[in-house]
Protein backbone atom coordinates (compact mmCIF):
# COMPACT_ATOMS: atom_id res chain seq x y z
CA LYS A 1 16.76 46.17 -19.46
CA ALA A 2 14.92 47.61 -22.38
CA PHE A 3 16.60 51.14 -23.42
CA VAL A 4 14.41 53.60 -25.89
CA ILE A 5 14.76 56.83 -27.33
CA PRO A 6 12.36 58.94 -29.60
CA GLY A 7 12.04 59.48 -33.22
CA ASN A 8 10.81 61.65 -35.49
CA HIS A 9 7.44 60.92 -35.23
CA ASP A 10 7.41 61.82 -31.74
CA ARG A 11 8.78 65.38 -31.98
CA TYR A 12 7.33 66.41 -34.92
CA MET A 13 3.67 65.78 -34.73
CA THR A 14 1.61 68.07 -32.71
CA LYS A 15 -0.61 64.96 -31.12
CA SER A 16 2.55 63.77 -30.51
CA VAL A 17 3.53 66.50 -28.10
CA LYS A 18 0.28 68.49 -27.45
CA PRO A 19 -1.84 68.31 -25.08
CA VAL A 20 0.46 65.73 -23.73
CA ASP A 21 4.10 64.02 -24.18
CA LEU A 22 3.03 61.06 -25.35
CA TYR A 23 6.43 58.98 -25.71
CA GLU A 24 7.24 60.25 -21.94
CA LYS A 25 4.02 58.97 -21.08
CA TYR A 26 4.15 55.60 -22.49
CA PHE A 27 7.73 55.33 -22.79
CA GLY A 28 9.53 57.77 -20.44
CA GLU A 29 10.27 54.37 -18.08
CA PHE A 30 12.44 53.17 -20.43
CA SER A 31 14.52 56.09 -21.45
CA GLY A 32 17.54 55.55 -18.86
CA SER A 33 17.89 58.63 -16.53
CA GLN A 34 19.20 62.15 -17.30
CA ILE A 35 23.00 62.40 -16.86
CA PRO A 36 23.67 64.47 -14.38
CA ASN A 37 24.56 68.40 -15.20
CA ALA A 38 22.66 68.01 -18.43
CA GLU A 39 21.82 71.60 -18.48
CA GLY A 40 18.32 71.11 -20.23
CA GLU A 41 19.61 68.79 -22.78
CA TYR A 42 18.38 65.52 -23.62
CA ILE A 43 21.52 62.94 -22.54
CA ARG A 44 19.84 59.91 -20.92
CA THR A 45 21.82 56.71 -19.63
CA LYS A 46 21.87 53.42 -18.84
CA LYS A 47 24.44 50.89 -17.66
CA ILE A 48 23.83 47.14 -18.11
CA LYS A 49 26.40 45.39 -16.65
CA ASP A 50 29.55 46.95 -18.03
CA LEU A 51 28.31 48.56 -20.77
CA THR A 52 26.75 52.27 -20.40
CA LEU A 53 24.46 53.44 -23.38
CA ILE A 54 23.92 56.90 -24.02
CA GLY A 55 20.79 58.12 -25.18
CA TRP A 56 20.31 60.99 -27.39
CA ASP A 57 17.24 62.89 -28.90
CA SER A 58 18.33 64.20 -32.83
CA ASN A 59 14.68 64.73 -33.78
CA GLU A 60 13.23 68.13 -33.89
CA PRO A 61 10.07 70.06 -34.93
CA THR A 62 9.76 70.27 -38.65
CA PRO A 63 6.87 71.35 -41.13
CA ILE A 64 5.24 68.47 -43.27
CA ALA A 65 7.32 66.28 -45.28
CA ILE A 66 10.44 67.16 -43.70
CA ALA A 67 12.04 64.74 -41.15
CA THR A 68 15.71 66.31 -40.45
CA GLY A 69 17.57 66.03 -37.14
CA PHE A 70 20.01 67.72 -35.46
CA VAL A 71 22.35 67.26 -32.02
CA LYS A 72 23.86 70.10 -30.41
CA PRO A 73 27.58 70.22 -30.08
CA LYS A 74 26.68 70.78 -26.36
CA VAL A 75 25.04 67.59 -26.10
CA ILE A 76 28.22 66.02 -27.63
CA SER A 77 30.56 67.99 -25.37
CA LEU A 78 28.63 67.13 -22.46
CA THR A 79 28.52 63.47 -23.12
CA GLN A 80 32.01 63.31 -23.30
CA LYS A 81 32.47 65.07 -20.22
CA PHE A 82 29.99 62.77 -18.21
CA LEU A 83 32.23 59.43 -19.93
CA THR A 84 35.47 61.22 -18.95
CA GLU A 85 34.58 62.10 -15.21
CA ASN A 86 33.09 58.54 -14.89
CA LYS A 87 36.18 56.97 -16.38
CA ILE A 88 33.47 55.01 -19.03
CA GLU A 89 35.27 53.52 -21.73
CA LYS A 90 32.75 50.86 -23.21
CA TYR A 91 29.87 52.50 -24.35
CA THR A 92 27.48 52.73 -27.38
CA VAL A 93 25.61 55.93 -28.89
CA ILE A 94 21.77 55.24 -29.29
CA CYS A 95 20.39 58.24 -31.76
CA HIS A 96 17.62 58.22 -34.11
CA HIS A 97 19.10 59.77 -37.58
CA PRO A 98 21.63 58.12 -39.30
CA ILE A 99 25.54 59.83 -39.39
CA TRP A 100 26.30 57.55 -42.08
CA SER A 101 24.18 55.97 -45.39
CA PRO A 102 25.06 52.75 -47.62
CA PRO A 103 25.56 54.30 -51.33
CA ASP A 104 22.28 52.97 -52.43
CA SER A 105 20.56 54.40 -49.46
CA VAL A 106 21.89 58.23 -49.48
CA GLU A 107 19.59 60.35 -47.67
CA SER A 108 17.85 63.77 -48.84
CA GLU A 109 18.57 67.10 -47.43
CA TYR A 110 14.49 66.60 -45.89
CA HIS A 111 15.49 63.52 -44.28
CA LYS A 112 18.95 63.48 -42.88
CA MET A 113 20.57 64.74 -39.98
CA LYS A 114 21.64 68.13 -40.56
CA ASN A 115 25.48 67.94 -39.00
CA ARG A 116 25.87 64.10 -39.20
CA GLU A 117 29.57 64.89 -40.11
CA GLU A 118 30.00 67.41 -36.96
CA VAL A 119 28.88 64.20 -35.16
CA VAL A 120 30.86 61.46 -36.32
CA SER A 121 34.21 63.55 -35.77
CA SER A 122 33.25 64.43 -32.61
CA LEU A 123 32.85 61.03 -31.70
CA LEU A 124 36.54 60.24 -32.22
CA THR A 125 37.57 62.07 -29.55
CA ILE A 126 36.38 59.17 -27.07
CA PRO A 127 34.92 56.21 -29.23
CA PRO A 128 32.02 54.46 -28.36
CA LEU A 129 31.62 50.48 -29.88
CA ALA A 130 29.24 51.20 -31.92
CA TYR A 131 26.18 53.52 -33.03
CA PHE A 132 22.63 52.69 -33.31
CA HIS A 133 20.43 54.64 -35.29
CA GLY A 134 17.17 54.28 -37.31
CA HIS A 135 14.95 56.43 -39.48
CA CYS A 136 15.88 54.49 -42.68
CA HIS A 137 13.39 51.29 -42.78
CA SER A 138 16.25 48.64 -43.71
CA ASN A 139 19.05 46.95 -42.00
CA TRP A 140 23.07 47.86 -42.85
CA ILE A 141 26.25 48.10 -40.76
CA ARG A 142 29.55 49.87 -41.31
CA ASN A 143 31.78 48.27 -40.03
CA LYS A 144 34.77 50.03 -38.30
CA MET A 145 37.07 52.09 -40.57
CA ALA A 146 39.58 54.76 -39.58
CA ASP A 147 37.28 57.72 -39.57
CA THR A 148 34.82 55.64 -37.58
CA PRO A 149 36.44 53.21 -35.18
CA TYR A 150 32.64 51.91 -34.36
CA TYR A 151 30.30 50.37 -35.68
CA ILE A 152 27.20 52.33 -37.06
CA ILE A 153 23.89 49.47 -37.38
CA ASN A 154 20.55 50.11 -38.67
CA SER A 155 17.80 47.98 -37.06
CA ALA A 156 15.15 49.59 -38.72
CA SER A 157 12.88 48.57 -39.10
CA SER A 158 12.35 45.45 -36.78
CA THR A 159 8.54 45.35 -37.59
CA ARG A 160 8.39 45.27 -41.42
CA ILE A 161 9.01 42.24 -43.57
CA SER A 162 11.16 42.60 -46.12
CA ASP A 163 11.04 43.45 -49.52
CA PRO A 164 12.92 44.09 -52.67
CA THR A 165 13.98 47.71 -51.42
CA HIS A 166 14.37 46.87 -48.01
CA ARG A 167 16.17 44.49 -45.83
CA THR A 168 14.56 44.48 -42.67
CA GLY A 169 14.99 43.09 -39.06
CA PHE A 170 17.02 43.57 -36.08
CA HIS A 171 20.77 43.10 -34.35
CA VAL A 172 21.61 41.13 -31.45
CA GLY A 173 25.21 42.40 -30.14
CA GLU A 174 27.36 40.31 -27.74
CA LEU A 175 30.24 41.93 -25.63
CA LYS A 176 33.38 39.59 -26.10
CA ASP A 177 36.99 40.01 -26.43
CA GLY A 178 37.05 43.30 -25.28
CA GLY A 179 34.68 43.96 -28.54
CA LEU A 180 31.12 43.90 -30.01
CA GLN A 181 29.92 40.23 -32.05
CA ILE A 182 26.33 41.28 -33.66
CA LYS A 183 24.16 39.38 -35.22
CA ARG A 184 21.44 39.62 -37.33
CA HIS A 185 17.54 38.52 -37.05
CA ALA A 186 15.02 38.46 -39.81
CA PHE A 187 11.22 37.80 -40.22
CA MET A 188 10.74 34.97 -42.63
CA LYS A 189 7.49 34.46 -44.00
CA GLU A 190 7.74 30.99 -44.50
CA ILE A 191 7.81 30.02 -40.58
CA HIS A 192 6.08 32.80 -39.55
CA ASP A 193 8.95 33.51 -36.97
CA TYR A 194 12.46 35.48 -36.79
CA LYS A 195 15.51 33.61 -37.55
CA GLU A 196 19.29 34.34 -38.21
CA ASP A 197 20.04 36.02 -41.40
CA SER A 198 23.23 37.14 -42.83
CA LEU A 199 24.46 40.84 -41.93
CA VAL A 200 23.80 43.33 -44.33
CA TRP A 201 26.87 45.48 -44.54
C-alpha cells in the first residue's frame, strides 16, 4: 500500500537520471499508475479503499544550489478532468514542494515552488482532503481555512532526529466521519523508538 513520488534530488542531479532513471528503477513500482490521457505529464494515482491518491512531480532540472519546483497548469487541469470524469470526491494530492510555509520557515526564491499561489488557487475548484509534501525538513500542518479548505501537511523528514530548528517525524491520517483525522509520531532518543507527539501547527 505504499505510494511514493519523486523529490528534487531524484530530478536535478545528473547521476539520478543518467544513464538510468534511478527513481523509476527502484521506486517506480510504488508510484501508482499513470492516469489515462495524461498527455505525457507525470500524474500518478492509486486507490486505497475509498481514498484516491494523486501524485505530481514538481521537480525540475536546476543548477547547483537551486531546488525550485513548478507544477504545470496542464497537470492541474488534467487532474481535475480525471477527478470529474471518475466522480472522485475523496482524494489527496502528494507533491514534493510545499504550497505554504509557516512564518518562521519562509522559503527562499531558490528553494520554493515558483507557482505555489497558482496551485493553491487552482485546488479550490475541487478541494482535496489534504496536500502532502516534503522538501522542508521540519513538520507542520496548516489547518483548513477559507483560502485553503484542505490540510497542508509536511512530514519531512521522518528519518531525521529533531533538533532546536527542526521538528521531525511522520503523520498518520485516518478517514473518519467524512474527514481526515491526523496524528503525529516523532523519534524519541530516550527510548530509541517512535512515539505519538504533539502536532505542529
